[in-house]
Amino acid sequence: MRNYCLECGGDLVYDSKLKQYACKSCGLTFTYQQLLEGKSKLVDERFVDEDAKKKKQKEYLQWWLSKK
């Protein structure tokens, strides 16, 4: 499984001396725990956005149908 930078999306390389992942593009470093937390946060935000979008669509549909 490839890891991607949470900031820029670049490829990460594991540095065994530092025991951290370093981004090839921007140079940021992440521990394994930081990567896990960052990825779960991104997934959570995506689901929140999808739920909000569905709610907005449902409200619009109800409004549109009430005008007919």
PDB file of N, CA and C in Angstrom:
ATOM      1  N   MET A   1       0.840  -1.175   0.000  1.00  0.00           N
ATOM      2  CA  MET A   1       0.000   0.000   0.000  1.00  0.00           C
ATOM      3  C   MET A   1       0.892   1.248   0.000  1.00  0.00           C
ATOM      4  N   ARG A   2       0.628   2.138  -0.931  1.00  0.00           N
ATOM      5  CA  ARG A   2       1.427   3.348  -1.046  1.00  0.00           C
ATOM      6  C   ARG A   2       0.878   4.407  -0.111  1.00  0.00           C
ATOM      7  N   ASN A   3       1.771   5.182   0.453  1.00  0.00           N
ATOM      8  CA  ASN A   3       1.382   6.280   1.316  1.00  0.00           C
ATOM      9  C   ASN A   3       1.573   7.593   0.582  1.00  0.00           C
ATOM     10  N   TYR A   4       0.653   8.506   0.801  1.00  0.00           N
ATOM     11  CA  TYR A   4       0.698   9.809   0.168  1.00  0.00           C
ATOM     12  C   TYR A   4       0.735  10.899   1.223  1.00  0.00           C
ATOM     13  N   CYS A   5       1.405  11.984   0.908  1.00  0.00           N
ATOM     14  CA  CYS A   5       1.528  13.118   1.814  1.00  0.00           C
ATOM     15  C   CYS A   5       0.150  13.702   2.097  1.00  0.00           C
ATOM     16  N   LEU A   6      -0.115  13.991   3.363  1.00  0.00           N
ATOM     17  CA  LEU A   6      -1.404  14.552   3.753  1.00  0.00           C
ATOM     18  C   LEU A   6      -1.520  16.009   3.326  1.00  0.00           C
ATOM     19  N   GLU A   7      -0.399  16.648   3.064  1.00  0.00           N
ATOM     20  CA  GLU A   7      -0.405  18.065   2.716  1.00  0.00           C
ATOM     21  C   GLU A   7      -0.462  18.298   1.206  1.00  0.00           C
ATOM     22  N   CYS A   8       0.427  17.631   0.456  1.00  0.00           N
ATOM     23  CA  CYS A   8       0.511  17.912  -0.982  1.00  0.00           C
ATOM     24  C   CYS A   8       0.126  16.735  -1.869  1.00  0.00           C
ATOM     25  N   GLY A   9       0.004  15.533  -1.294  1.00  0.00           N
ATOM     26  CA  GLY A   9      -0.363  14.360  -2.075  1.00  0.00           C
ATOM     27  C   GLY A   9       0.816  13.652  -2.719  1.00  0.00           C
ATOM     28  N   GLY A  10       2.040  14.103  -2.413  1.00  0.00           N
ATOM     29  CA  GLY A  10       3.236  13.487  -2.977  1.00  0.00           C
ATOM     30  C   GLY A  10       3.515  12.115  -2.375  1.00  0.00           C
ATOM     31  N   ASP A  11       4.421  11.387  -3.016  1.00  0.00           N
ATOM     32  CA  ASP A  11       4.805  10.064  -2.524  1.00  0.00           C
ATOM     33  C   ASP A  11       5.628  10.190  -1.245  1.00  0.00           C
ATOM     34  N   LEU A  12       5.421   9.248  -0.334  1.00  0.00           N
ATOM     35  CA  LEU A  12       6.184   9.215   0.904  1.00  0.00           C
ATOM     36  C   LEU A  12       7.194   8.079   0.864  1.00  0.00           C
ATOM     37  N   VAL A  13       8.352   8.336   1.447  1.00  0.00           N
ATOM     38  CA  VAL A  13       9.422   7.347   1.550  1.00  0.00           C
ATOM     39  C   VAL A  13       9.706   7.157   3.032  1.00  0.00           C
ATOM     40  N   TYR A  14       9.855   5.896   3.453  1.00  0.00           N
ATOM     41  CA  TYR A  14      10.126   5.610   4.853  1.00  0.00           C
ATOM     42  C   TYR A  14      11.614   5.732   5.143  1.00  0.00           C
ATOM     43  N   ASP A  15      11.942   6.540   6.158  1.00  0.00           N
ATOM     44  CA  ASP A  15      13.333   6.683   6.598  1.00  0.00           C
ATOM     45  C   ASP A  15      13.497   5.859   7.866  1.00  0.00           C
ATOM     46  N   SER A  16      14.225   4.743   7.771  1.00  0.00           N
ATOM     47  CA  SER A  16      14.348   3.824   8.900  1.00  0.00           C
ATOM     48  C   SER A  16      15.155   4.421  10.049  1.00  0.00           C
ATOM     49  N   LYS A  17      16.057   5.346   9.765  1.00  0.00           N
ATOM     50  CA  LYS A  17      16.835   5.980  10.831  1.00  0.00           C
ATOM     51  C   LYS A  17      15.956   6.884  11.685  1.00  0.00           C
ATOM     52  N   LEU A  18      15.108   7.665  11.029  1.00  0.00           N
ATOM     53  CA  LEU A  18      14.211   8.575  11.754  1.00  0.00           C
ATOM     54  C   LEU A  18      12.927   7.889  12.204  1.00  0.00           C
ATOM     55  N   LYS A  19      12.656   6.737  11.593  1.00  0.00           N
ATOM     56  CA  LYS A  19      11.404   6.016  11.815  1.00  0.00           C
ATOM     57  C   LYS A  19      10.202   6.901  11.497  1.00  0.00           C
ATOM     58  N   GLN A  20      10.330   7.595  10.354  1.00  0.00           N
ATOM     59  CA  GLN A  20       9.271   8.477   9.879  1.00  0.00           C
ATOM     60  C   GLN A  20       9.185   8.391   8.362  1.00  0.00           C
ATOM     61  N   TYR A  21       8.051   8.839   7.854  1.00  0.00           N
ATOM     62  CA  TYR A  21       7.843   8.921   6.414  1.00  0.00           C
ATOM     63  C   TYR A  21       8.133  10.348   5.977  1.00  0.00           C
ATOM     64  N   ALA A  22       8.868  10.516   4.895  1.00  0.00           N
ATOM     65  CA  ALA A  22       9.204  11.830   4.368  1.00  0.00           C
ATOM     66  C   ALA A  22       8.612  11.977   2.973  1.00  0.00           C
ATOM     67  N   CYS A  23       8.041  13.143   2.722  1.00  0.00           N
ATOM     68  CA  CYS A  23       7.447  13.423   1.410  1.00  0.00           C
ATOM     69  C   CYS A  23       8.549  13.784   0.423  1.00  0.00           C
ATOM     70  N   LYS A  24       8.487  13.186  -0.764  1.00  0.00           N
ATOM     71  CA  LYS A  24       9.473  13.476  -1.806  1.00  0.00           C
ATOM     72  C   LYS A  24       9.270  14.874  -2.387  1.00  0.00           C
ATOM     73  N   SER A  25       8.027  15.373  -2.359  1.00  0.00           N
ATOM     74  CA  SER A  25       7.724  16.659  -2.977  1.00  0.00           C
ATOM     75  C   SER A  25       7.964  17.850  -2.057  1.00  0.00           C
ATOM     76  N   CYS A  26       7.328  17.836  -0.880  1.00  0.00           N
ATOM     77  CA  CYS A  26       7.392  19.019  -0.013  1.00  0.00           C
ATOM     78  C   CYS A  26       8.332  18.869   1.169  1.00  0.00           C
ATOM     79  N   GLY A  27       8.782  17.636   1.469  1.00  0.00           N
ATOM     80  CA  GLY A  27       9.748  17.425   2.526  1.00  0.00           C
ATOM     81  C   GLY A  27       9.168  17.242   3.923  1.00  0.00           C
ATOM     82  N   LEU A  28       7.857  17.314   4.077  1.00  0.00           N
ATOM     83  CA  LEU A  28       7.255  17.091   5.391  1.00  0.00           C
ATOM     84  C   LEU A  28       7.487  15.665   5.845  1.00  0.00           C
ATOM     85  N   THR A  29       7.578  15.479   7.155  1.00  0.00           N
ATOM     86  CA  THR A  29       7.754  14.147   7.702  1.00  0.00           C
ATOM     87  C   THR A  29       6.566  13.800   8.590  1.00  0.00           C
ATOM     88  N   PHE A  30       6.219  12.531   8.610  1.00  0.00           N
ATOM     89  CA  PHE A  30       5.087  12.035   9.374  1.00  0.00           C
ATOM     90  C   PHE A  30       5.483  10.743  10.073  1.00  0.00           C
ATOM     91  N   THR A  31       4.985  10.575  11.283  1.00  0.00           N
ATOM     92  CA  THR A  31       5.102   9.279  11.934  1.00  0.00           C
ATOM     93  C   THR A  31       3.958   8.416  11.417  1.00  0.00           C
ATOM     94  N   TYR A  32       4.044   7.139  11.684  1.00  0.00           N
ATOM     95  CA  TYR A  32       2.985   6.235  11.246  1.00  0.00           C
ATOM     96  C   TYR A  32       1.653   6.624  11.891  1.00  0.00           C
ATOM     97  N   GLN A  33       1.703   6.999  13.172  1.00  0.00           N
ATOM     98  CA  GLN A  33       0.491   7.395  13.889  1.00  0.00           C
ATOM     99  C   GLN A  33      -0.121   8.649  13.277  1.00  0.00           C
ATOM    100  N   GLN A  34       0.692   9.614  12.899  1.00  0.00           N
ATOM    101  CA  GLN A  34       0.187  10.835  12.266  1.00  0.00           C
ATOM    102  C   GLN A  34      -0.488  10.520  10.935  1.00  0.00           C
ATOM    103  N   LEU A  35       0.081   9.586  10.179  1.00  0.00           N
ATOM    104  CA  LEU A  35      -0.532   9.189   8.912  1.00  0.00           C
ATOM    105  C   LEU A  35      -1.898   8.551   9.140  1.00  0.00           C
ATOM    106  N   LEU A  36      -1.979   7.661  10.119  1.00  0.00           N
ATOM    107  CA  LEU A  36      -3.259   7.012  10.423  1.00  0.00           C
ATOM    108  C   LEU A  36      -4.312   8.026  10.837  1.00  0.00           C
ATOM    109  N   GLU A  37      -3.949   8.945  11.720  1.00  0.00           N
ATOM    110  CA  GLU A  37      -4.891   9.960  12.190  1.00  0.00           C
ATOM    111  C   GLU A  37      -5.320  10.884  11.048  1.00  0.00           C
ATOM    112  N   GLY A  38      -4.365  11.282  10.216  1.00  0.00           N
ATOM    113  CA  GLY A  38      -4.675  12.166   9.098  1.00  0.00           C
ATOM    114  C   GLY A  38      -5.585  11.513   8.078  1.00  0.00           C
ATOM    115  N   LYS A  39      -5.339  10.257   7.776  1.00  0.00           N
ATOM    116  CA  LYS A  39      -6.173   9.544   6.806  1.00  0.00           C
ATOM    117  C   LYS A  39      -7.582   9.337   7.349  1.00  0.00           C
ATOM    118  N   SER A  40      -7.706   9.002   8.633  1.00  0.00           N
ATOM    119  CA  SER A  40      -9.050   8.802   9.196  1.00  0.00           C
ATOM    120  C   SER A  40      -9.808  10.116   9.230  1.00  0.00           C
ATOM    121  N   LYS A  41      -9.112  11.211   9.468  1.00  0.00           N
ATOM    122  CA  LYS A  41      -9.761  12.526   9.464  1.00  0.00           C
ATOM    123  C   LYS A  41     -10.275  12.862   8.062  1.00  0.00           C
ATOM    124  N   LEU A  42      -9.474  12.568   7.040  1.00  0.00           N
ATOM    125  CA  LEU A  42      -9.890  12.831   5.666  1.00  0.00           C
ATOM    126  C   LEU A  42     -11.114  12.000   5.288  1.00  0.00           C
ATOM    127  N   VAL A  43     -11.134  10.751   5.716  1.00  0.00           N
ATOM    128  CA  VAL A  43     -12.271   9.874   5.428  1.00  0.00           C
ATOM    129  C   VAL A  43     -13.517  10.390   6.132  1.00  0.00           C
ATOM    130  N   ASP A  44     -13.378  10.782   7.399  1.00  0.00           N
ATOM    131  CA  ASP A  44     -14.507  11.314   8.151  1.00  0.00           C
ATOM    132  C   ASP A  44     -15.073  12.565   7.495  1.00  0.00           C
ATOM    133  N   GLU A  45     -14.188  13.464   7.035  1.00  0.00           N
ATOM    134  CA  GLU A  45     -14.643  14.688   6.376  1.00  0.00           C
ATOM    135  C   GLU A  45     -15.385  14.377   5.087  1.00  0.00           C
ATOM    136  N   ARG A  46     -14.926  13.377   4.361  1.00  0.00           N
ATOM    137  CA  ARG A  46     -15.585  13.013   3.105  1.00  0.00           C
ATOM    138  C   ARG A  46     -17.002  12.523   3.366  1.00  0.00           C
ATOM    139  N   PHE A  47     -17.178  11.691   4.399  1.00  0.00           N
ATOM    140  CA  PHE A  47     -18.509  11.195   4.717  1.00  0.00           C
ATOM    141  C   PHE A  47     -19.415  12.309   5.213  1.00  0.00           C
ATOM    142  N   VAL A  48     -18.889  13.244   5.972  1.00  0.00           N
ATOM    143  CA  VAL A  48     -19.683  14.375   6.453  1.00  0.00           C
ATOM    144  C   VAL A  48     -20.145  15.210   5.259  1.00  0.00           C
ATOM    145  N   ASP A  49     -19.236  15.446   4.310  1.00  0.00           N
ATOM    146  CA  ASP A  49     -19.581  16.206   3.116  1.00  0.00           C
ATOM    147  C   ASP A  49     -20.662  15.501   2.309  1.00  0.00           C
ATOM    148  N   GLU A  50     -20.567  14.177   2.174  1.00  0.00           N
ATOM    149  CA  GLU A  50     -21.570  13.426   1.417  1.00  0.00           C
ATOM    150  C   GLU A  50     -22.927  13.482   2.107  1.00  0.00           C
ATOM    151  N   ASP A  51     -22.936  13.369   3.436  1.00  0.00           N
ATOM    152  CA  ASP A  51     -24.194  13.440   4.178  1.00  0.00           C
ATOM    153  C   ASP A  51     -24.824  14.815   4.047  1.00  0.00           C
ATOM    154  N   ALA A  52     -24.019  15.857   4.126  1.00  0.00           N
ATOM    155  CA  ALA A  52     -24.527  17.217   3.984  1.00  0.00           C
ATOM    156  C   ALA A  52     -25.084  17.435   2.577  1.00  0.00           C
ATOM    157  N   LYS A  53     -24.404  16.888   1.579  1.00  0.00           N
ATOM    158  CA  LYS A  53     -24.859  17.034   0.198  1.00  0.00           C
ATOM    159  C   LYS A  53     -26.199  16.328  -0.006  1.00  0.00           C
ATOM    160  N   LYS A  54     -26.330  15.108   0.548  1.00  0.00           N
ATOM    161  CA  LYS A  54     -27.591  14.375   0.418  1.00  0.00           C
ATOM    162  C   LYS A  54     -28.724  15.107   1.119  1.00  0.00           C
ATOM    163  N   LYS A  55     -28.447  15.666   2.287  1.00  0.00           N
ATOM    164  CA  LYS A  55     -29.458  16.412   3.033  1.00  0.00           C
ATOM    165  C   LYS A  55     -29.910  17.642   2.247  1.00  0.00           C
ATOM    166  N   LYS A  56     -28.955  18.347   1.663  1.00  0.00           N
ATOM    167  CA  LYS A  56     -29.273  19.535   0.869  1.00  0.00           C
ATOM    168  C   LYS A  56     -30.109  19.164  -0.360  1.00  0.00           C
ATOM    169  N   GLN A  57     -29.758  18.063  -1.022  1.00  0.00           N
ATOM    170  CA  GLN A  57     -30.520  17.618  -2.184  1.00  0.00           C
ATOM    171  C   GLN A  57     -31.945  17.255  -1.798  1.00  0.00           C
ATOM    172  N   LYS A  58     -32.100  16.571  -0.663  1.00  0.00           N
ATOM    173  CA  LYS A  58     -33.426  16.175  -0.198  1.00  0.00           C
ATOM    174  C   LYS A  58     -34.270  17.405   0.130  1.00  0.00           C
ATOM    175  N   GLU A  59     -33.678  18.389   0.798  1.00  0.00           N
ATOM    176  CA  GLU A  59     -34.397  19.620   1.125  1.00  0.00           C
ATOM    177  C   GLU A  59     -34.812  20.360  -0.136  1.00  0.00           C
ATOM    178  N   TYR A  60     -33.923  20.423  -1.124  1.00  0.00           N
ATOM    179  CA  TYR A  60     -34.246  21.097  -2.375  1.00  0.00           C
ATOM    180  C   TYR A  60     -35.382  20.378  -3.100  1.00  0.00           C
ATOM    181  N   LEU A  61     -35.323  19.048  -3.132  1.00  0.00           N
ATOM    182  CA  LEU A  61     -36.367  18.275  -3.789  1.00  0.00           C
ATOM    183  C   LEU A  61     -37.714  18.514  -3.120  1.00  0.00           C
ATOM    184  N   GLN A  62     -37.732  18.522  -1.794  1.00  0.00           N
ATOM    185  CA  GLN A  62     -38.979  18.786  -1.078  1.00  0.00           C
ATOM    186  C   GLN A  62     -39.496  20.185  -1.391  1.00  0.00           C
ATOM    187  N   TRP A  63     -38.607  21.173  -1.430  1.00  0.00           N
ATOM    188  CA  TRP A  63     -39.010  22.534  -1.761  1.00  0.00           C
ATOM    189  C   TRP A  63     -39.555  22.602  -3.182  1.00  0.00           C
ATOM    190  N   TRP A  64     -38.873  21.951  -4.123  1.00  0.00           N
ATOM    191  CA  TRP A  64     -39.273  22.006  -5.527  1.00  0.00           C
ATOM    192  C   TRP A  64     -40.639  21.325  -5.715  1.00  0.00           C
ATOM    193  N   LEU A  65     -40.833  20.184  -5.077  1.00  0.00           N
ATOM    194  CA  LEU A  65     -42.113  19.476  -5.198  1.00  0.00           C
ATOM    195  C   LEU A  65     -43.253  20.247  -4.521  1.00  0.00           C
ATOM    196  N   SER A  66     -42.974  21.009  -3.500  1.00  0.00           N
ATOM    197  CA  SER A  66     -44.018  21.779  -2.816  1.00  0.00           C
ATOM    198  C   SER A  66     -44.508  22.935  -3.675  1.00  0.00           C
ATOM    199  N   LYS A  67     -43.744  23.371  -4.638  1.00  0.00           N
ATOM    200  CA  LYS A  67     -44.138  24.466  -5.519  1.00  0.00           C
ATOM    201  C   LYS A  67     -45.062  24.016  -6.639  1.00  0.00           C
ATOM    202  N   LYS A  68     -45.204  22.736  -6.845  1.00  0.00           N
ATOM    203  CA  LYS A  68     -46.003  22.215  -7.964  1.00  0.00           C
ATOM    204  C   LYS A  68     -47.441  22.075  -7.572  1.00  0.00           C
TER     205      LYS A  68
END
